[in-house]
PDB file of N, CA and C in Angstrom:
ATOM      1  N   MET A   1      44.587 121.285  22.716  1.00  0.00           N
ATOM      2  CA  MET A   1      45.043 120.458  23.811  1.00  0.00           C
ATOM      3  C   MET A   1      45.839 121.306  24.794  1.00  0.00           C
ATOM      4  N   THR A   2      45.510 121.193  26.072  1.00  0.00           N
ATOM      5  CA  THR A   2      46.201 121.943  27.109  1.00  0.00           C
ATOM      6  C   THR A   2      47.286 121.070  27.727  1.00  0.00           C
ATOM      7  N   THR A   3      48.475 121.618  27.808  1.00  0.00           N
ATOM      8  CA  THR A   3      49.575 120.902  28.443  1.00  0.00           C
ATOM      9  C   THR A   3      49.812 121.506  29.819  1.00  0.00           C
ATOM     10  N   GLU A   4      49.599 120.710  30.830  1.00  0.00           N
ATOM     11  CA  GLU A   4      49.827 121.176  32.186  1.00  0.00           C
ATOM     12  C   GLU A   4      51.250 120.841  32.610  1.00  0.00           C
ATOM     13  N   SER A   5      51.823 121.720  33.412  1.00  0.00           N
ATOM     14  CA  SER A   5      53.147 121.480  33.966  1.00  0.00           C
ATOM     15  C   SER A   5      53.010 120.821  35.327  1.00  0.00           C
ATOM     16  N   PRO A   6      53.961 119.965  35.681  1.00  0.00           N
ATOM     17  CA  PRO A   6      53.914 119.360  37.008  1.00  0.00           C
ATOM     18  C   PRO A   6      54.039 120.413  38.105  1.00  0.00           C
ATOM     19  N   GLN A   7      53.225 120.278  39.132  1.00  0.00           N
ATOM     20  CA  GLN A   7      53.326 121.137  40.316  1.00  0.00           C
ATOM     21  C   GLN A   7      53.929 120.271  41.413  1.00  0.00           C
ATOM     22  N   TRP A   8      55.241 120.367  41.572  1.00  0.00           N
ATOM     23  CA  TRP A   8      56.000 119.484  42.443  1.00  0.00           C
ATOM     24  C   TRP A   8      55.802 119.826  43.916  1.00  0.00           C
ATOM     25  N   PHE A   9      55.766 118.769  44.744  1.00  0.00           N
ATOM     26  CA  PHE A   9      55.751 118.970  46.196  1.00  0.00           C
ATOM     27  C   PHE A   9      56.356 117.755  46.878  1.00  0.00           C
ATOM     28  N   THR A  10      56.806 117.976  48.103  1.00  0.00           N
ATOM     29  CA  THR A  10      57.306 116.891  48.945  1.00  0.00           C
ATOM     30  C   THR A  10      56.337 116.710  50.105  1.00  0.00           C
ATOM     31  N   SER A  11      56.371 115.569  50.693  1.00  0.00           N
ATOM     32  CA  SER A  11      55.514 115.277  51.839  1.00  0.00           C
ATOM     33  C   SER A  11      55.876 116.171  53.011  1.00  0.00           C
ATOM     34  N   SER A  12      54.889 116.504  53.816  1.00  0.00           N
ATOM     35  CA  SER A  12      55.163 117.287  55.026  1.00  0.00           C
ATOM     36  C   SER A  12      55.986 116.473  56.023  1.00  0.00           C
ATOM     37  N   TYR A  13      56.067 115.164  55.838  1.00  0.00           N
ATOM     38  CA  TYR A  13      56.878 114.291  56.692  1.00  0.00           C
ATOM     39  C   TYR A  13      58.337 114.264  56.239  1.00  0.00           C
ATOM     40  N   SER A  14      58.661 114.887  55.130  1.00  0.00           N
ATOM     41  CA  SER A  14      60.008 114.837  54.563  1.00  0.00           C
ATOM     42  C   SER A  14      60.851 116.025  54.999  1.00  0.00           C
ATOM     43  N   ASN A  15      61.073 116.159  56.256  1.00  0.00           N
ATOM     44  CA  ASN A  15      61.900 117.248  56.776  1.00  0.00           C
ATOM     45  C   ASN A  15      63.252 116.687  57.191  1.00  0.00           C
ATOM     46  N   ASN A  16      63.942 116.045  56.229  1.00  0.00           N
ATOM     47  CA  ASN A  16      65.194 115.367  56.542  1.00  0.00           C
ATOM     48  C   ASN A  16      66.376 115.927  55.758  1.00  0.00           C
ATOM     49  N   GLY A  17      66.393 117.200  55.505  1.00  0.00           N
ATOM     50  CA  GLY A  17      67.507 117.798  54.799  1.00  0.00           C
ATOM     51  C   GLY A  17      67.440 117.680  53.295  1.00  0.00           C
ATOM     52  N   GLY A  18      66.294 117.355  52.751  1.00  0.00           N
ATOM     53  CA  GLY A  18      66.125 117.331  51.311  1.00  0.00           C
ATOM     54  C   GLY A  18      66.382 115.996  50.641  1.00  0.00           C
ATOM     55  N   ALA A  19      66.668 114.960  51.397  1.00  0.00           N
ATOM     56  CA  ALA A  19      66.929 113.641  50.812  1.00  0.00           C
ATOM     57  C   ALA A  19      65.619 112.887  50.629  1.00  0.00           C
ATOM     58  N   CYS A  20      64.828 113.333  49.682  1.00  0.00           N
ATOM     59  CA  CYS A  20      63.521 112.715  49.487  1.00  0.00           C
ATOM     60  C   CYS A  20      63.115 112.838  48.021  1.00  0.00           C
ATOM     61  N   VAL A  21      61.908 112.450  47.729  1.00  0.00           N
ATOM     62  CA  VAL A  21      61.387 112.562  46.376  1.00  0.00           C
ATOM     63  C   VAL A  21      60.281 113.609  46.335  1.00  0.00           C
ATOM     64  N   GLU A  22      60.020 114.098  45.152  1.00  0.00           N
ATOM     65  CA  GLU A  22      58.916 115.029  44.918  1.00  0.00           C
ATOM     66  C   GLU A  22      57.940 114.354  43.970  1.00  0.00           C
ATOM     67  N   VAL A  23      56.667 114.658  44.128  1.00  0.00           N
ATOM     68  CA  VAL A  23      55.634 114.135  43.237  1.00  0.00           C
ATOM     69  C   VAL A  23      54.797 115.287  42.713  1.00  0.00           C
ATOM     70  N   ALA A  24      54.124 115.050  41.595  1.00  0.00           N
ATOM     71  CA  ALA A  24      53.241 116.047  41.002  1.00  0.00           C
ATOM     72  C   ALA A  24      51.888 115.387  40.753  1.00  0.00           C
ATOM     73  N   THR A  25      51.040 115.402  41.755  1.00  0.00           N
ATOM     74  CA  THR A  25      49.749 114.721  41.646  1.00  0.00           C
ATOM     75  C   THR A  25      48.738 115.485  40.795  1.00  0.00           C
ATOM     76  N   ASN A  26      49.056 116.713  40.423  1.00  0.00           N
ATOM     77  CA  ASN A  26      48.110 117.496  39.622  1.00  0.00           C
ATOM     78  C   ASN A  26      47.908 116.924  38.215  1.00  0.00           C
ATOM     79  N   LEU A  27      48.762 116.008  37.795  1.00  0.00           N
ATOM     80  CA  LEU A  27      48.634 115.414  36.460  1.00  0.00           C
ATOM     81  C   LEU A  27      47.897 114.082  36.481  1.00  0.00           C
ATOM     82  N   ALA A  28      47.491 113.613  37.667  1.00  0.00           N
ATOM     83  CA  ALA A  28      46.821 112.309  37.777  1.00  0.00           C
ATOM     84  C   ALA A  28      45.509 112.287  37.006  1.00  0.00           C
ATOM     85  N   ALA A  29      44.655 113.267  37.216  1.00  0.00           N
ATOM     86  CA  ALA A  29      43.349 113.266  36.540  1.00  0.00           C
ATOM     87  C   ALA A  29      43.455 113.596  35.045  1.00  0.00           C
ATOM     88  N   PRO A  30      44.124 114.695  34.664  1.00  0.00           N
ATOM     89  CA  PRO A  30      44.106 115.039  33.235  1.00  0.00           C
ATOM     90  C   PRO A  30      44.966 114.143  32.345  1.00  0.00           C
ATOM     91  N   GLN A  31      46.051 113.574  32.886  1.00  0.00           N
ATOM     92  CA  GLN A  31      46.956 112.785  32.046  1.00  0.00           C
ATOM     93  C   GLN A  31      47.092 111.329  32.484  1.00  0.00           C
ATOM     94  N   GLY A  32      46.581 110.984  33.667  1.00  0.00           N
ATOM     95  CA  GLY A  32      46.651 109.609  34.136  1.00  0.00           C
ATOM     96  C   GLY A  32      48.009 109.177  34.635  1.00  0.00           C
ATOM     97  N   ILE A  33      48.863 110.151  34.978  1.00  0.00           N
ATOM     98  CA  ILE A  33      50.209 109.838  35.470  1.00  0.00           C
ATOM     99  C   ILE A  33      50.508 110.638  36.729  1.00  0.00           C
ATOM    100  N   VAL A  34      51.482 110.142  37.495  1.00  0.00           N
ATOM    101  CA  VAL A  34      52.021 110.885  38.642  1.00  0.00           C
ATOM    102  C   VAL A  34      53.534 110.901  38.470  1.00  0.00           C
ATOM    103  N   PRO A  35      54.094 112.035  38.054  1.00  0.00           N
ATOM    104  CA  PRO A  35      55.549 112.126  37.934  1.00  0.00           C
ATOM    105  C   PRO A  35      56.212 112.127  39.318  1.00  0.00           C
ATOM    106  N   VAL A  36      57.377 111.477  39.390  1.00  0.00           N
ATOM    107  CA  VAL A  36      58.166 111.405  40.616  1.00  0.00           C
ATOM    108  C   VAL A  36      59.600 111.756  40.235  1.00  0.00           C
ATOM    109  N   ARG A  37      60.287 112.555  41.089  1.00  0.00           N
ATOM    110  CA  ARG A  37      61.681 112.905  40.811  1.00  0.00           C
ATOM    111  C   ARG A  37      62.469 113.033  42.106  1.00  0.00           C
ATOM    112  N   ASP A  38      63.774 113.037  41.986  1.00  0.00           N
ATOM    113  CA  ASP A  38      64.692 113.224  43.104  1.00  0.00           C
ATOM    114  C   ASP A  38      64.686 114.695  43.502  1.00  0.00           C
ATOM    115  N   SER A  39      64.443 114.985  44.761  1.00  0.00           N
ATOM    116  CA  SER A  39      64.370 116.375  45.201  1.00  0.00           C
ATOM    117  C   SER A  39      65.734 117.057  45.198  1.00  0.00           C
ATOM    118  N   LYS A  40      66.815 116.281  45.223  1.00  0.00           N
ATOM    119  CA  LYS A  40      68.150 116.871  45.251  1.00  0.00           C
ATOM    120  C   LYS A  40      68.650 117.246  43.857  1.00  0.00           C
ATOM    121  N   VAL A  41      68.098 116.615  42.823  1.00  0.00           N
ATOM    122  CA  VAL A  41      68.545 116.850  41.442  1.00  0.00           C
ATOM    123  C   VAL A  41      67.307 117.156  40.615  1.00  0.00           C
ATOM    124  N   ARG A  42      66.837 118.354  40.713  1.00  0.00           N
ATOM    125  CA  ARG A  42      65.553 118.706  40.099  1.00  0.00           C
ATOM    126  C   ARG A  42      65.558 118.709  38.580  1.00  0.00           C
ATOM    127  N   VAL A  43      66.712 118.735  37.969  1.00  0.00           N
ATOM    128  CA  VAL A  43      66.778 118.665  36.508  1.00  0.00           C
ATOM    129  C   VAL A  43      66.945 117.234  36.022  1.00  0.00           C
ATOM    130  N   SER A  44      66.938 116.289  36.956  1.00  0.00           N
ATOM    131  CA  SER A  44      67.078 114.884  36.582  1.00  0.00           C
ATOM    132  C   SER A  44      65.802 114.390  35.909  1.00  0.00           C
ATOM    133  N   PRO A  45      65.896 113.261  35.227  1.00  0.00           N
ATOM    134  CA  PRO A  45      64.685 112.701  34.615  1.00  0.00           C
ATOM    135  C   PRO A  45      63.637 112.366  35.671  1.00  0.00           C
ATOM    136  N   GLU A  46      62.410 112.408  35.280  1.00  0.00           N
ATOM    137  CA  GLU A  46      61.329 112.053  36.191  1.00  0.00           C
ATOM    138  C   GLU A  46      60.793 110.678  35.818  1.00  0.00           C
ATOM    139  N   LEU A  47      60.299 109.991  36.813  1.00  0.00           N
ATOM    140  CA  LEU A  47      59.655 108.701  36.617  1.00  0.00           C
ATOM    141  C   LEU A  47      58.167 108.971  36.508  1.00  0.00           C
ATOM    142  N   ARG A  48      57.533 108.529  35.437  1.00  0.00           N
ATOM    143  CA  ARG A  48      56.095 108.755  35.236  1.00  0.00           C
ATOM    144  C   ARG A  48      55.338 107.474  35.560  1.00  0.00           C
ATOM    145  N   VAL A  49      54.667 107.490  36.695  1.00  0.00           N
ATOM    146  CA  VAL A  49      53.962 106.315  37.203  1.00  0.00           C
ATOM    147  C   VAL A  49      52.481 106.433  36.842  1.00  0.00           C
ATOM    148  N   PRO A  50      51.864 105.355  36.344  1.00  0.00           N
ATOM    149  CA  PRO A  50      50.417 105.414  36.109  1.00  0.00           C
ATOM    150  C   PRO A  50      49.696 105.766  37.420  1.00  0.00           C
ATOM    151  N   ALA A  51      48.687 106.627  37.313  1.00  0.00           N
ATOM    152  CA  ALA A  51      47.981 107.113  38.508  1.00  0.00           C
ATOM    153  C   ALA A  51      47.411 105.974  39.346  1.00  0.00           C
ATOM    154  N   ALA A  52      46.874 104.941  38.720  1.00  0.00           N
ATOM    155  CA  ALA A  52      46.314 103.811  39.464  1.00  0.00           C
ATOM    156  C   ALA A  52      47.397 103.062  40.229  1.00  0.00           C
ATOM    157  N   ALA A  53      48.562 102.907  39.635  1.00  0.00           N
ATOM    158  CA  ALA A  53      49.672 102.234  40.317  1.00  0.00           C
ATOM    159  C   ALA A  53      50.162 103.064  41.495  1.00  0.00           C
ATOM    160  N   PHE A  54      50.228 104.374  41.327  1.00  0.00           N
ATOM    161  CA  PHE A  54      50.651 105.245  42.421  1.00  0.00           C
ATOM    162  C   PHE A  54      49.645 105.186  43.566  1.00  0.00           C
ATOM    163  N   ALA A  55      48.357 105.163  43.240  1.00  0.00           N
ATOM    164  CA  ALA A  55      47.321 105.060  44.277  1.00  0.00           C
ATOM    165  C   ALA A  55      47.454 103.738  45.032  1.00  0.00           C
ATOM    166  N   SER A  56      47.743 102.646  44.328  1.00  0.00           N
ATOM    167  CA  SER A  56      47.949 101.352  44.981  1.00  0.00           C
ATOM    168  C   SER A  56      49.171 101.380  45.885  1.00  0.00           C
ATOM    169  N   PHE A  57      50.223 102.024  45.426  1.00  0.00           N
ATOM    170  CA  PHE A  57      51.434 102.173  46.235  1.00  0.00           C
ATOM    171  C   PHE A  57      51.128 102.921  47.531  1.00  0.00           C
ATOM    172  N   LEU A  58      50.411 104.036  47.432  1.00  0.00           N
ATOM    173  CA  LEU A  58      50.058 104.809  48.630  1.00  0.00           C
ATOM    174  C   LEU A  58      49.189 103.997  49.581  1.00  0.00           C
ATOM    175  N   THR A  59      48.265 103.227  49.049  1.00  0.00           N
ATOM    176  CA  THR A  59      47.427 102.368  49.887  1.00  0.00           C
ATOM    177  C   THR A  59      48.292 101.375  50.657  1.00  0.00           C
ATOM    178  N   GLY A  60      49.274 100.791  49.984  1.00  0.00           N
ATOM    179  CA  GLY A  60      50.187  99.861  50.640  1.00  0.00           C
ATOM    180  C   GLY A  60      51.019 100.522  51.719  1.00  0.00           C
ATOM    181  N   VAL A  61      51.516 101.719  51.443  1.00  0.00           N
ATOM    182  CA  VAL A  61      52.316 102.445  52.430  1.00  0.00           C
ATOM    183  C   VAL A  61      51.469 102.800  53.644  1.00  0.00           C
ATOM    184  N   LYS A  62      50.290 103.324  53.410  1.00  0.00           N
ATOM    185  CA  LYS A  62      49.413 103.731  54.512  1.00  0.00           C
ATOM    186  C   LYS A  62      48.957 102.527  55.332  1.00  0.00           C
ATOM    187  N   GLY A  63      48.801 101.389  54.697  1.00  0.00           N
ATOM    188  CA  GLY A  63      48.346 100.185  55.390  1.00  0.00           C
ATOM    189  C   GLY A  63      49.502  99.370  55.959  1.00  0.00           C
ATOM    190  N   ASP A  64      50.734  99.931  55.887  1.00  0.00           N
ATOM    191  CA  ASP A  64      51.909  99.256  56.411  1.00  0.00           C
ATOM    192  C   ASP A  64      52.165  97.943  55.679  1.00  0.00           C
ATOM    193  N   GLY A  65      51.784  97.904  54.420  1.00  0.00           N
ATOM    194  CA  GLY A  65      51.880  96.685  53.623  1.00  0.00           C
ATOM    195  C   GLY A  65      53.273  96.318  53.166  1.00  0.00           C
ATOM    196  N   PHE A  66      54.263  97.165  53.392  1.00  0.00           N
ATOM    197  CA  PHE A  66      55.614  96.882  52.921  1.00  0.00           C
ATOM    198  C   PHE A  66      56.567  96.524  54.049  1.00  0.00           C
ATOM    199  N   ARG A  67      56.051  96.380  55.249  1.00  0.00           N
ATOM    200  CA  ARG A  67      56.906  96.025  56.380  1.00  0.00           C
ATOM    201  C   ARG A  67      57.446  94.608  56.161  1.00  0.00           C
ATOM    202  N   GLY A  68      58.746  94.482  56.326  1.00  0.00           N
ATOM    203  CA  GLY A  68      59.376  93.174  56.192  1.00  0.00           C
ATOM    204  C   GLY A  68      59.702  92.797  54.763  1.00  0.00           C
ATOM    205  N   VAL A  69      59.525  93.729  53.822  1.00  0.00           N
ATOM    206  CA  VAL A  69      59.821  93.429  52.423  1.00  0.00           C
ATOM    207  C   VAL A  69      61.275  93.720  52.155  1.00  0.00           C
TER     208      VAL A  69
END
């Protein structure tokens, strides 16, 4: 069994002094998860989101589905 490490990145839109989150989408296909963490505290625990739920979240964000929530 191969264990892959998260390859963390922030969005190119996150140029706000580091107050953002990082994601590791490289684990979506092999493990079915997308880890998310605070970019300011990189040793903090990560949130492991199911890949399908993360994809739904991105669809909502891109479609402006959270306006007024």
